N, C-alpha and C. Protein backbone atom coordinates (compact mmCIF):
# COMPACT_ATOMS: atom_id res chain seq x y z
N MET A 1 4.25 -20.99 -2.11
CA MET A 1 2.94 -20.66 -1.62
C MET A 1 2.10 -20.12 -2.78
N LYS A 2 0.89 -20.57 -2.87
CA LYS A 2 0.01 -20.14 -3.93
C LYS A 2 -0.50 -18.73 -3.64
N GLU A 3 -0.52 -17.89 -4.65
CA GLU A 3 -0.96 -16.52 -4.52
C GLU A 3 -2.49 -16.49 -4.48
N ARG A 4 -3.05 -15.81 -3.46
CA ARG A 4 -4.50 -15.70 -3.35
C ARG A 4 -4.98 -14.42 -3.98
N LYS A 5 -6.13 -14.47 -4.60
CA LYS A 5 -6.79 -13.30 -5.14
C LYS A 5 -8.26 -13.39 -4.79
N LEU A 6 -8.72 -12.44 -4.01
CA LEU A 6 -10.14 -12.38 -3.69
C LEU A 6 -10.74 -11.23 -4.48
N GLU A 7 -11.90 -11.43 -5.04
CA GLU A 7 -12.55 -10.36 -5.77
C GLU A 7 -13.81 -9.95 -5.05
N LYS A 8 -13.95 -8.64 -4.87
CA LYS A 8 -15.13 -8.10 -4.20
C LYS A 8 -15.53 -6.84 -4.94
N GLY A 9 -16.77 -6.74 -5.29
CA GLY A 9 -17.21 -5.55 -5.99
C GLY A 9 -16.76 -5.59 -7.43
N VAL A 10 -17.33 -4.70 -8.18
CA VAL A 10 -17.02 -4.67 -9.60
C VAL A 10 -15.64 -4.05 -9.80
N GLY A 11 -14.74 -4.82 -10.39
CA GLY A 11 -13.45 -4.31 -10.77
C GLY A 11 -12.41 -4.20 -9.67
N TYR A 12 -12.66 -4.68 -8.46
CA TYR A 12 -11.67 -4.64 -7.38
C TYR A 12 -11.15 -6.02 -7.07
N THR A 13 -9.84 -6.11 -6.81
CA THR A 13 -9.20 -7.34 -6.39
C THR A 13 -8.46 -7.09 -5.09
N THR A 14 -8.66 -7.94 -4.10
CA THR A 14 -7.99 -7.80 -2.82
C THR A 14 -6.52 -8.17 -2.97
N ILE A 15 -5.62 -7.26 -2.52
CA ILE A 15 -4.19 -7.55 -2.57
C ILE A 15 -3.63 -7.74 -1.16
N PHE A 16 -4.41 -7.42 -0.14
CA PHE A 16 -3.97 -7.62 1.24
C PHE A 16 -5.19 -7.62 2.15
N PHE A 17 -5.25 -8.58 3.08
CA PHE A 17 -6.34 -8.66 4.05
C PHE A 17 -5.75 -9.23 5.32
N HIS A 18 -5.85 -8.46 6.42
CA HIS A 18 -5.20 -8.86 7.66
C HIS A 18 -6.20 -8.98 8.80
N LYS A 19 -6.40 -10.18 9.29
CA LYS A 19 -7.19 -10.48 10.48
C LYS A 19 -8.53 -9.73 10.54
N LYS A 20 -9.16 -9.60 9.42
CA LYS A 20 -10.46 -8.95 9.33
C LYS A 20 -10.44 -7.53 9.90
N LYS A 21 -9.27 -6.87 9.85
CA LYS A 21 -9.16 -5.51 10.36
C LYS A 21 -8.70 -4.50 9.32
N LEU A 22 -7.91 -4.95 8.35
CA LEU A 22 -7.37 -4.03 7.36
C LEU A 22 -7.30 -4.73 6.01
N LYS A 23 -7.78 -4.02 4.97
CA LYS A 23 -7.82 -4.61 3.64
C LYS A 23 -7.42 -3.56 2.60
N PHE A 24 -6.61 -3.97 1.63
CA PHE A 24 -6.27 -3.13 0.48
C PHE A 24 -6.78 -3.82 -0.76
N GLU A 25 -7.42 -3.06 -1.65
CA GLU A 25 -7.93 -3.60 -2.91
C GLU A 25 -7.51 -2.69 -4.05
N LEU A 26 -7.24 -3.29 -5.20
CA LEU A 26 -6.88 -2.55 -6.41
C LEU A 26 -7.97 -2.71 -7.46
N THR A 27 -8.16 -1.65 -8.24
CA THR A 27 -9.05 -1.80 -9.39
C THR A 27 -8.35 -2.66 -10.43
N THR A 28 -9.11 -3.17 -11.36
CA THR A 28 -8.57 -4.05 -12.38
C THR A 28 -7.42 -3.40 -13.14
N LYS A 29 -7.55 -2.12 -13.45
CA LYS A 29 -6.50 -1.42 -14.20
C LYS A 29 -5.40 -0.88 -13.29
N GLY A 30 -5.57 -0.97 -11.98
CA GLY A 30 -4.54 -0.52 -11.04
C GLY A 30 -4.46 0.97 -10.85
N LEU A 31 -5.46 1.73 -11.30
CA LEU A 31 -5.41 3.18 -11.18
C LEU A 31 -5.92 3.68 -9.84
N THR A 32 -6.72 2.87 -9.16
CA THR A 32 -7.28 3.26 -7.87
C THR A 32 -7.09 2.13 -6.87
N MET A 33 -6.77 2.50 -5.64
CA MET A 33 -6.64 1.54 -4.55
C MET A 33 -7.63 1.95 -3.45
N ARG A 34 -8.20 0.94 -2.80
CA ARG A 34 -9.13 1.20 -1.70
C ARG A 34 -8.56 0.55 -0.44
N ARG A 35 -8.48 1.36 0.65
CA ARG A 35 -8.01 0.87 1.96
C ARG A 35 -9.22 0.87 2.88
N THR A 36 -9.54 -0.29 3.42
CA THR A 36 -10.68 -0.42 4.33
C THR A 36 -10.17 -0.87 5.68
N SER A 37 -10.44 -0.07 6.71
CA SER A 37 -10.12 -0.48 8.07
C SER A 37 -11.43 -0.82 8.77
N ILE A 38 -11.46 -1.98 9.41
CA ILE A 38 -12.68 -2.51 10.00
C ILE A 38 -12.55 -2.49 11.52
N GLN A 39 -13.49 -1.84 12.17
CA GLN A 39 -13.48 -1.72 13.63
C GLN A 39 -14.10 -2.95 14.28
N GLY A 40 -13.88 -3.13 15.57
CA GLY A 40 -14.40 -4.28 16.29
C GLY A 40 -15.92 -4.35 16.32
N ASN A 41 -16.59 -3.20 16.26
CA ASN A 41 -18.05 -3.19 16.30
C ASN A 41 -18.69 -3.36 14.93
N GLY A 42 -17.88 -3.61 13.91
CA GLY A 42 -18.40 -3.83 12.57
C GLY A 42 -18.38 -2.60 11.69
N ASP A 43 -18.15 -1.42 12.26
CA ASP A 43 -18.04 -0.21 11.46
C ASP A 43 -16.76 -0.27 10.63
N PHE A 44 -16.76 0.41 9.50
CA PHE A 44 -15.56 0.42 8.67
C PHE A 44 -15.36 1.80 8.07
N ARG A 45 -14.12 2.05 7.68
CA ARG A 45 -13.75 3.31 7.06
C ARG A 45 -13.00 3.02 5.79
N GLU A 46 -13.44 3.59 4.68
CA GLU A 46 -12.78 3.40 3.40
C GLU A 46 -12.08 4.68 2.97
N VAL A 47 -10.88 4.51 2.44
CA VAL A 47 -10.12 5.63 1.90
C VAL A 47 -9.68 5.23 0.50
N LEU A 48 -9.88 6.13 -0.47
CA LEU A 48 -9.48 5.86 -1.84
C LEU A 48 -8.15 6.53 -2.15
N TYR A 49 -7.32 5.84 -2.92
CA TYR A 49 -6.02 6.34 -3.34
C TYR A 49 -5.96 6.30 -4.85
N THR A 50 -5.26 7.27 -5.44
CA THR A 50 -5.08 7.29 -6.89
C THR A 50 -3.61 7.07 -7.23
N LYS A 51 -3.37 6.42 -8.34
CA LYS A 51 -2.02 6.10 -8.77
C LYS A 51 -1.27 7.37 -9.15
N ILE A 52 -0.01 7.43 -8.76
CA ILE A 52 0.85 8.57 -9.09
C ILE A 52 1.66 8.20 -10.33
N GLU A 53 1.53 8.98 -11.37
CA GLU A 53 2.24 8.72 -12.62
C GLU A 53 3.49 9.59 -12.75
N SER A 54 3.52 10.73 -12.07
CA SER A 54 4.59 11.70 -12.23
C SER A 54 5.88 11.26 -11.53
N ILE A 55 6.95 11.17 -12.27
CA ILE A 55 8.25 10.78 -11.71
C ILE A 55 8.72 11.84 -10.70
N GLU A 56 8.46 13.12 -11.01
CA GLU A 56 8.86 14.20 -10.11
C GLU A 56 8.16 14.07 -8.76
N GLU A 57 6.86 13.76 -8.78
CA GLU A 57 6.12 13.61 -7.53
C GLU A 57 6.61 12.40 -6.73
N ILE A 58 6.93 11.31 -7.41
CA ILE A 58 7.47 10.12 -6.73
C ILE A 58 8.81 10.45 -6.08
N GLU A 59 9.66 11.20 -6.79
CA GLU A 59 10.95 11.59 -6.21
C GLU A 59 10.76 12.46 -4.98
N LYS A 60 9.79 13.38 -5.01
CA LYS A 60 9.51 14.23 -3.84
C LYS A 60 9.05 13.39 -2.65
N ILE A 61 8.21 12.41 -2.91
CA ILE A 61 7.73 11.53 -1.83
C ILE A 61 8.90 10.77 -1.22
N ASN A 62 9.81 10.28 -2.04
CA ASN A 62 10.96 9.53 -1.54
C ASN A 62 11.92 10.40 -0.74
N ARG A 63 11.87 11.72 -0.94
CA ARG A 63 12.73 12.62 -0.17
C ARG A 63 12.08 13.09 1.14
N LEU A 64 10.81 12.75 1.35
CA LEU A 64 10.13 13.15 2.59
C LEU A 64 10.79 12.48 3.79
N GLY A 65 10.68 13.11 4.95
CA GLY A 65 11.13 12.46 6.18
C GLY A 65 10.15 11.36 6.54
N GLY A 66 10.39 10.69 7.63
CA GLY A 66 9.50 9.63 8.06
C GLY A 66 9.96 8.27 7.60
N THR A 67 9.07 7.29 7.71
CA THR A 67 9.42 5.91 7.38
C THR A 67 8.29 5.25 6.59
N TRP A 68 8.64 4.15 5.94
CA TRP A 68 7.65 3.32 5.24
C TRP A 68 7.35 2.13 6.14
N GLY A 69 6.09 1.99 6.54
CA GLY A 69 5.68 0.85 7.36
C GLY A 69 5.13 -0.26 6.50
N CYS A 70 5.68 -1.44 6.67
CA CYS A 70 5.30 -2.59 5.85
C CYS A 70 4.05 -3.25 6.42
N ARG A 71 3.09 -3.53 5.56
CA ARG A 71 1.83 -4.12 5.99
C ARG A 71 1.69 -5.59 5.65
N SER A 72 2.41 -6.10 4.65
CA SER A 72 2.01 -7.42 4.16
C SER A 72 3.15 -8.24 3.58
N ILE A 73 4.15 -8.55 4.36
CA ILE A 73 5.23 -9.38 3.83
C ILE A 73 4.82 -10.85 3.81
N ASP A 74 4.23 -11.33 4.90
CA ASP A 74 3.98 -12.76 5.06
C ASP A 74 2.59 -13.21 4.61
N SER A 75 1.77 -12.29 4.12
CA SER A 75 0.44 -12.70 3.70
C SER A 75 0.53 -13.53 2.43
N GLY A 76 -0.53 -14.22 2.09
CA GLY A 76 -0.55 -15.09 0.92
C GLY A 76 -0.85 -14.35 -0.37
N TYR A 77 -0.87 -13.03 -0.32
CA TYR A 77 -1.18 -12.25 -1.51
C TYR A 77 0.10 -11.90 -2.25
N GLY A 78 -0.02 -11.51 -3.50
CA GLY A 78 1.14 -11.32 -4.36
C GLY A 78 1.82 -9.96 -4.28
N TYR A 79 1.37 -9.09 -3.37
CA TYR A 79 1.95 -7.76 -3.26
C TYR A 79 2.45 -7.49 -1.85
N ILE A 80 3.44 -6.61 -1.76
CA ILE A 80 3.86 -6.05 -0.48
C ILE A 80 3.32 -4.62 -0.47
N VAL A 81 2.61 -4.26 0.59
CA VAL A 81 1.99 -2.95 0.73
C VAL A 81 2.73 -2.18 1.83
N MET A 82 3.14 -0.95 1.52
CA MET A 82 3.84 -0.12 2.49
C MET A 82 3.16 1.24 2.57
N GLU A 83 2.91 1.70 3.81
CA GLU A 83 2.30 3.01 4.04
C GLU A 83 3.36 3.95 4.60
N HIS A 84 3.30 5.21 4.20
CA HIS A 84 4.28 6.20 4.65
C HIS A 84 3.79 6.86 5.94
N PHE A 85 4.70 6.93 6.93
CA PHE A 85 4.42 7.56 8.21
C PHE A 85 5.34 8.77 8.38
N SER A 86 4.79 9.85 8.96
CA SER A 86 5.59 11.04 9.24
C SER A 86 6.52 10.77 10.41
N ASP A 87 7.38 11.75 10.71
CA ASP A 87 8.27 11.62 11.86
C ASP A 87 7.46 11.54 13.16
N ALA A 88 6.24 12.07 13.14
CA ALA A 88 5.36 12.01 14.32
C ALA A 88 4.54 10.72 14.34
N ASP A 89 4.89 9.76 13.48
CA ASP A 89 4.25 8.44 13.42
C ASP A 89 2.78 8.51 13.02
N ARG A 90 2.45 9.43 12.10
CA ARG A 90 1.09 9.55 11.57
C ARG A 90 1.11 9.23 10.08
N LEU A 91 0.04 8.62 9.59
CA LEU A 91 -0.06 8.32 8.16
C LEU A 91 -0.04 9.62 7.36
N THR A 92 0.73 9.64 6.27
CA THR A 92 0.83 10.84 5.45
C THR A 92 -0.11 10.81 4.25
N GLY A 93 -0.67 9.64 3.92
CA GLY A 93 -1.56 9.55 2.77
C GLY A 93 -0.90 8.95 1.54
N TYR A 94 0.33 8.47 1.69
CA TYR A 94 1.03 7.85 0.57
C TYR A 94 1.20 6.35 0.82
N VAL A 95 1.02 5.57 -0.24
CA VAL A 95 1.18 4.11 -0.18
C VAL A 95 2.00 3.70 -1.39
N ARG A 96 2.84 2.71 -1.21
CA ARG A 96 3.54 2.13 -2.35
C ARG A 96 3.42 0.61 -2.26
N ILE A 97 3.33 -0.01 -3.44
CA ILE A 97 3.21 -1.46 -3.50
C ILE A 97 4.23 -2.00 -4.50
N VAL A 98 4.57 -3.26 -4.30
CA VAL A 98 5.47 -3.95 -5.23
C VAL A 98 5.07 -5.42 -5.25
N ARG A 99 5.20 -6.04 -6.38
CA ARG A 99 4.95 -7.48 -6.45
C ARG A 99 6.02 -8.21 -5.65
N LYS A 100 5.60 -9.23 -4.91
CA LYS A 100 6.55 -9.99 -4.10
C LYS A 100 7.65 -10.61 -4.94
N SER A 101 7.33 -10.99 -6.14
CA SER A 101 8.31 -11.63 -7.01
C SER A 101 9.42 -10.65 -7.43
N LYS A 102 9.21 -9.35 -7.27
CA LYS A 102 10.20 -8.35 -7.66
C LYS A 102 10.89 -7.71 -6.46
N ALA A 103 10.63 -8.22 -5.25
CA ALA A 103 11.17 -7.60 -4.03
C ALA A 103 12.10 -8.56 -3.29
N TYR A 104 13.00 -7.97 -2.52
CA TYR A 104 13.90 -8.72 -1.65
C TYR A 104 13.58 -8.29 -0.23
N VAL A 105 13.22 -9.25 0.63
CA VAL A 105 12.84 -8.97 2.01
C VAL A 105 13.90 -9.55 2.93
N TYR A 106 14.33 -8.75 3.91
CA TYR A 106 15.36 -9.20 4.85
C TYR A 106 15.17 -8.50 6.19
N GLY A 107 15.88 -8.96 7.20
CA GLY A 107 15.88 -8.32 8.51
C GLY A 107 14.99 -9.02 9.52
N PHE A 108 15.39 -8.90 10.80
CA PHE A 108 14.60 -9.43 11.90
C PHE A 108 14.95 -8.64 13.15
N PRO A 109 14.05 -8.22 13.97
CA PRO A 109 12.60 -8.42 13.90
C PRO A 109 11.90 -7.46 12.95
N LYS A 110 12.53 -6.31 12.66
CA LYS A 110 11.92 -5.36 11.74
C LYS A 110 12.37 -5.69 10.33
N LYS A 111 11.43 -6.05 9.49
CA LYS A 111 11.76 -6.47 8.13
C LYS A 111 11.92 -5.27 7.21
N ARG A 112 12.84 -5.42 6.28
CA ARG A 112 13.12 -4.40 5.28
C ARG A 112 12.76 -4.96 3.91
N VAL A 113 12.38 -4.07 3.01
CA VAL A 113 12.01 -4.48 1.65
C VAL A 113 12.81 -3.64 0.66
N GLU A 114 13.44 -4.31 -0.28
CA GLU A 114 14.16 -3.63 -1.35
C GLU A 114 13.61 -4.10 -2.69
N ALA A 115 13.51 -3.15 -3.60
CA ALA A 115 13.08 -3.46 -4.97
C ALA A 115 13.65 -2.37 -5.87
N ALA A 116 13.75 -2.67 -7.15
CA ALA A 116 14.21 -1.66 -8.10
C ALA A 116 13.24 -0.49 -8.09
N PRO A 117 13.75 0.74 -8.21
CA PRO A 117 12.86 1.91 -8.17
C PRO A 117 11.69 1.85 -9.14
N GLY A 118 11.90 1.29 -10.31
CA GLY A 118 10.83 1.20 -11.31
C GLY A 118 9.77 0.15 -11.02
N ASP A 119 10.02 -0.73 -10.04
CA ASP A 119 9.06 -1.78 -9.70
C ASP A 119 8.00 -1.32 -8.70
N TRP A 120 8.29 -0.25 -7.96
CA TRP A 120 7.33 0.28 -6.99
C TRP A 120 6.21 1.01 -7.71
N ILE A 121 4.99 0.86 -7.22
CA ILE A 121 3.84 1.61 -7.73
C ILE A 121 3.36 2.48 -6.58
N TYR A 122 3.26 3.78 -6.81
CA TYR A 122 2.91 4.74 -5.76
C TYR A 122 1.47 5.21 -5.91
N TYR A 123 0.84 5.45 -4.75
CA TYR A 123 -0.52 5.96 -4.69
C TYR A 123 -0.58 7.08 -3.65
N LYS A 124 -1.50 8.02 -3.86
CA LYS A 124 -1.74 9.04 -2.84
C LYS A 124 -3.23 9.09 -2.54
N ARG A 125 -3.52 9.44 -1.29
CA ARG A 125 -4.91 9.54 -0.86
C ARG A 125 -5.63 10.55 -1.73
N ARG A 126 -6.81 10.20 -2.18
CA ARG A 126 -7.60 11.09 -3.02
C ARG A 126 -7.86 12.38 -2.25
N ASN A 127 -7.81 13.49 -2.94
CA ASN A 127 -8.01 14.84 -2.37
C ASN A 127 -6.89 15.23 -1.42
N LEU A 128 -5.72 14.60 -1.54
CA LEU A 128 -4.60 14.95 -0.68
C LEU A 128 -3.97 16.26 -1.11
N GLY A 129 -4.05 16.59 -2.40
CA GLY A 129 -3.45 17.82 -2.87
C GLY A 129 -1.99 17.62 -3.22
N ASN A 130 -1.26 18.71 -3.24
CA ASN A 130 0.15 18.68 -3.61
C ASN A 130 1.01 19.09 -2.42
N GLU A 131 0.94 18.35 -1.34
CA GLU A 131 1.69 18.70 -0.14
C GLU A 131 3.16 18.39 -0.27
N VAL A 132 3.55 17.52 -1.19
CA VAL A 132 4.97 17.16 -1.29
C VAL A 132 5.75 18.25 -1.96
């Protein structure tokens, strides 16, 4: 399958777009991610995420309770996007992505994704603070 790349705005590339309801975009350098959720009435909400460089912070995130919800295994884009949910099934503000070419996907009906720890790229919601 050919990898799709949509470009919108200066310096952003779409890495996931689902049924005109949810979209993830990365800046050209990959330091910022934008998550846009689109409502049925045309309203939308944008949330910005910043790349996490600290290995210690990534390790703390991986030790959190909750689960990683997969957003984009079957899409035609080159990344798999996963959002972290708390035990109460609420978004925590953390997202991780991996190139499809570096991931192994298995399982049915709930799909699982495995990749080498160094292949994941982590982001946290801007202004989230240091809750981990």
